[in-house]
C-alpha atoms as a PDB file:
ATOM      1  CA  MET A   1       0.000   0.000   0.000  1.00  0.00           C
ATOM      2  CA  THR A   2       1.340   3.414  -0.985  1.00  0.00           C
ATOM      3  CA  PRO A   3       1.775   5.860   1.926  1.00  0.00           C
ATOM      4  CA  THR A   4      -0.593   8.800   1.614  1.00  0.00           C
ATOM      5  CA  SER A   5      -1.425  12.035   3.398  1.00  0.00           C
ATOM      6  CA  SER A   6      -4.950  13.343   3.670  1.00  0.00           C
ATOM      7  CA  HIS A   7      -6.502  16.655   4.585  1.00  0.00           C
ATOM      8  CA  THR A   8     -10.135  17.650   4.954  1.00  0.00           C
ATOM      9  CA  PHE A   9     -11.398  21.125   4.115  1.00  0.00           C
ATOM     10  CA  TYR A  10     -14.543  22.875   2.920  1.00  0.00           C
ATOM     11  CA  LEU A  11     -15.203  24.674  -0.327  1.00  0.00           C
ATOM     12  CA  CYS A  12     -17.937  27.280   0.021  1.00  0.00           C
ATOM     13  CA  PHE A  13     -19.665  28.331  -3.190  1.00  0.00           C
ATOM     14  CA  ARG A  14     -21.883  31.346  -3.779  1.00  0.00           C
ATOM     15  CA  LYS A  15     -23.762  32.151  -6.933  1.00  0.00           C
ATOM     16  CA  LYS A  16     -22.838  35.638  -8.109  1.00  0.00           C
ATOM     17  CA  THR A  17     -25.817  37.940  -8.484  1.00  0.00           C
ATOM     18  CA  ARG A  18     -24.545  40.591 -10.912  1.00  0.00           C
ATOM     19  CA  VAL A  19     -22.179  38.469 -12.949  1.00  0.00           C
ATOM     20  CA  PHE A  20     -22.829  34.938 -14.107  1.00  0.00           C
ATOM     21  CA  GLY A  21     -20.719  32.324 -12.413  1.00  0.00           C
ATOM     22  CA  LEU A  22     -19.656  31.297  -8.930  1.00  0.00           C
ATOM     23  CA  SER A  23     -17.360  32.637  -6.269  1.00  0.00           C
ATOM     24  CA  VAL A  24     -15.553  30.213  -3.996  1.00  0.00           C
ATOM     25  CA  ARG A  25     -13.719  30.332  -0.698  1.00  0.00           C
ATOM     26  CA  CYS A  26     -11.852  27.642   1.185  1.00  0.00           C
ATOM     27  CA  THR A  27     -11.821  26.994   4.942  1.00  0.00           C
ATOM     28  CA  GLU A  28     -10.405  24.244   7.161  1.00  0.00           C
ATOM     29  CA  ARG A  29     -13.183  24.373   9.770  1.00  0.00           C
ATOM     30  CA  LEU A  30     -16.883  23.760   9.375  1.00  0.00           C
ATOM     31  CA  PRO A  31     -17.999  27.079   7.874  1.00  0.00           C
ATOM     32  CA  SER A  32     -20.837  29.311   8.932  1.00  0.00           C
ATOM     33  CA  LEU A  33     -22.626  30.021   5.694  1.00  0.00           C
ATOM     34  CA  ASP A  34     -24.257  33.185   4.447  1.00  0.00           C
ATOM     35  CA  SER A  35     -27.567  32.861   2.687  1.00  0.00           C
ATOM     36  CA  GLY A  36     -26.997  31.685  -0.841  1.00  0.00           C
ATOM     37  CA  GLU A  37     -23.805  29.769   0.048  1.00  0.00           C
ATOM     38  CA  VAL A  38     -23.346  26.013  -0.207  1.00  0.00           C
ATOM     39  CA  ALA A  39     -20.463  24.112   1.424  1.00  0.00           C
ATOM     40  CA  ILE A  40     -18.883  20.948   0.098  1.00  0.00           C
ATOM     41  CA  LYS A  41     -16.688  18.902   2.410  1.00  0.00           C
ATOM     42  CA  VAL A  42     -13.585  17.756   0.529  1.00  0.00           C
ATOM     43  CA  THR A  43     -10.990  15.212   1.604  1.00  0.00           C
ATOM     44  CA  ALA A  44      -7.837  15.260  -0.458  1.00  0.00           C
ATOM     45  CA  GLU A  45      -5.772  12.100  -0.255  1.00  0.00           C
ATOM     46  CA  LEU A  46      -2.433  12.433  -1.962  1.00  0.00           C
ATOM     47  CA  PRO A  47       0.450   9.979  -2.244  1.00  0.00           C
ATOM     48  CA  ASP A  48       3.497  11.032  -0.207  1.00  0.00           C
ATOM     49  CA  ALA A  49       5.651  10.464  -3.296  1.00  0.00           C
ATOM     50  CA  LEU A  50       4.021  13.568  -4.777  1.00  0.00           C
ATOM     51  CA  PHE A  51       5.950  15.690  -2.261  1.00  0.00           C
ATOM     52  CA  ARG A  52       9.369  14.131  -2.732  1.00  0.00           C
ATOM     53  CA  LYS A  53      11.559  16.444  -4.680  1.00  0.00           C
ATOM     54  CA  PRO A  54      14.477  15.064  -6.619  1.00  0.00           C
ATOM     55  CA  LEU A  55      17.917  15.967  -5.342  1.00  0.00           C
ATOM     56  CA  LEU A  56      19.466  18.228  -7.922  1.00  0.00           C
ATOM     57  CA  GLU A  57      23.207  18.078  -8.095  1.00  0.00           C
ATOM     58  CA  ALA A  58      25.715  19.839 -10.302  1.00  0.00           C
ATOM     59  CA  LYS A  59      29.467  19.956 -10.609  1.00  0.00           C
ATOM     60  CA  ILE A  60      31.073  22.899 -12.361  1.00  0.00           C
ATOM     61  CA  THR A  61      34.681  22.648 -13.438  1.00  0.00           C
ATOM     62  CA  VAL A  62      36.612  25.439 -15.099  1.00  0.00           C
ATOM     63  CA  PRO A  63      39.879  24.221 -16.615  1.00  0.00           C
ATOM     64  CA  ALA A  64      42.868  26.345 -15.645  1.00  0.00           C
ATOM     65  CA  ASP A  65      43.713  27.035 -19.287  1.00  0.00           C
ATOM     66  CA  LYS A  66      40.270  28.654 -19.741  1.00  0.00           C
ATOM     67  CA  VAL A  67      40.806  31.260 -17.004  1.00  0.00           C
ATOM     68  CA  SER A  68      41.589  34.614 -18.545  1.00  0.00           C
ATOM     69  CA  PRO A  69      43.919  36.993 -16.733  1.00  0.00           C
ATOM     70  CA  ALA A  70      42.430  40.093 -15.177  1.00  0.00           C
ATOM     71  CA  LYS A  71      42.587  42.985 -17.598  1.00  0.00           C
ATOM     72  CA  ILE A  72      42.542  46.569 -16.446  1.00  0.00           C
ATOM     73  CA  ASP A  73      42.372  49.006 -19.290  1.00  0.00           C
ATOM     74  CA  ALA A  74      42.444  52.790 -19.248  1.00  0.00           C
ATOM     75  CA  SER A  75      38.675  53.136 -18.786  1.00  0.00           C
ATOM     76  CA  VAL A  76      38.743  50.978 -15.630  1.00  0.00           C
ATOM     77  CA  ALA A  77      41.635  52.994 -14.234  1.00  0.00           C
ATOM     78  CA  ASP A  78      39.762  56.239 -15.011  1.00  0.00           C
ATOM     79  CA  ASN A  79      36.654  54.949 -13.262  1.00  0.00           C
ATOM     80  CA  ILE A  80      38.663  54.027 -10.159  1.00  0.00           C
ATOM     81  CA  THR A  81      40.298  57.459  -9.974  1.00  0.00           C
ATOM     82  CA  ASP A  82      36.899  59.159 -10.425  1.00  0.00           C
ATOM     83  CA  VAL A  83      35.280  57.141  -7.638  1.00  0.00           C
ATOM     84  CA  VAL A  84      38.166  57.791  -5.247  1.00  0.00           C
ATOM     85  CA  ARG A  85      38.099  61.525  -6.061  1.00  0.00           C
ATOM     86  CA  GLN A  86      34.304  61.773  -5.585  1.00  0.00           C
ATOM     87  CA  ASN A  87      34.125  59.735  -2.378  1.00  0.00           C
ATOM     88  CA  LEU A  88      37.403  60.541  -0.657  1.00  0.00           C
ATOM     89  CA  GLY A  89      38.478  63.820  -2.241  1.00  0.00           C
ATOM     90  CA  ILE A  90      41.852  62.329  -3.142  1.00  0.00           C
ATOM     91  CA  ASP A  91      43.543  62.653  -6.528  1.00  0.00           C
ATOM     92  CA  LEU A  92      44.768  59.182  -7.383  1.00  0.00           C
ATOM     93  CA  GLN A  93      47.037  58.333 -10.289  1.00  0.00           C
ATOM     94  CA  ILE A  94      47.072  54.802 -11.655  1.00  0.00           C
ATOM     95  CA  LYS A  95      49.871  53.779 -13.962  1.00  0.00           C
ATOM     96  CA  LEU A  96      49.274  50.748 -16.178  1.00  0.00           C
ATOM     97  CA  GLU A  97      52.398  48.851 -17.148  1.00  0.00           C
ATOM     98  CA  GLN A  98      52.872  45.546 -18.914  1.00  0.00           C
ATOM     99  CA  MET A  99      54.335  42.979 -16.512  1.00  0.00           C
ATOM    100  CA  PRO A 100      57.413  41.166 -17.857  1.00  0.00           C
ATOM    101  CA  SER A 101      56.584  37.604 -18.909  1.00  0.00           C
ATOM    102  CA  ALA A 102      58.782  36.015 -16.184  1.00  0.00           C
ATOM    103  CA  GLU A 103      56.998  37.990 -13.434  1.00  0.00           C
ATOM    104  CA  ARG A 104      53.630  37.186 -15.026  1.00  0.00           C
ATOM    105  CA  ALA A 105      54.415  33.427 -14.855  1.00  0.00           C
ATOM    106  CA  ASP A 106      55.438  33.749 -11.171  1.00  0.00           C
ATOM    107  CA  ALA A 107      52.236  35.653 -10.342  1.00  0.00           C
ATOM    108  CA  ALA A 108      50.124  33.004 -12.075  1.00  0.00           C
ATOM    109  CA  GLU A 109      51.789  30.228 -10.067  1.00  0.00           C
ATOM    110  CA  GLN A 110      51.104  32.034  -6.761  1.00  0.00           C
ATOM    111  CA  GLU A 111      47.375  32.232  -7.498  1.00  0.00           C
END
């Protein structure tokens, strides 16, 4: 036998007077009804398997040869100096220089 969970509630229906159709409300306790309302006792019995969610799992691998080095161009340096000037009132100068290839290899190994 499959394990199930059940819950009893009431659906209360009222015929709309101005617009064709029905309005409905839901309550867990025996409702007190207004005139023109009808209650239907509902028992929902659902298999517990319906509520089991699959375990989602992922593994993300980025190969080292696909990692691009950080690049700071003149526009990034200008933005940094502008932000520092506006927020701290300090004139900052950033000098961009190409790192020699031997130093670049050492820096990559340290990361």
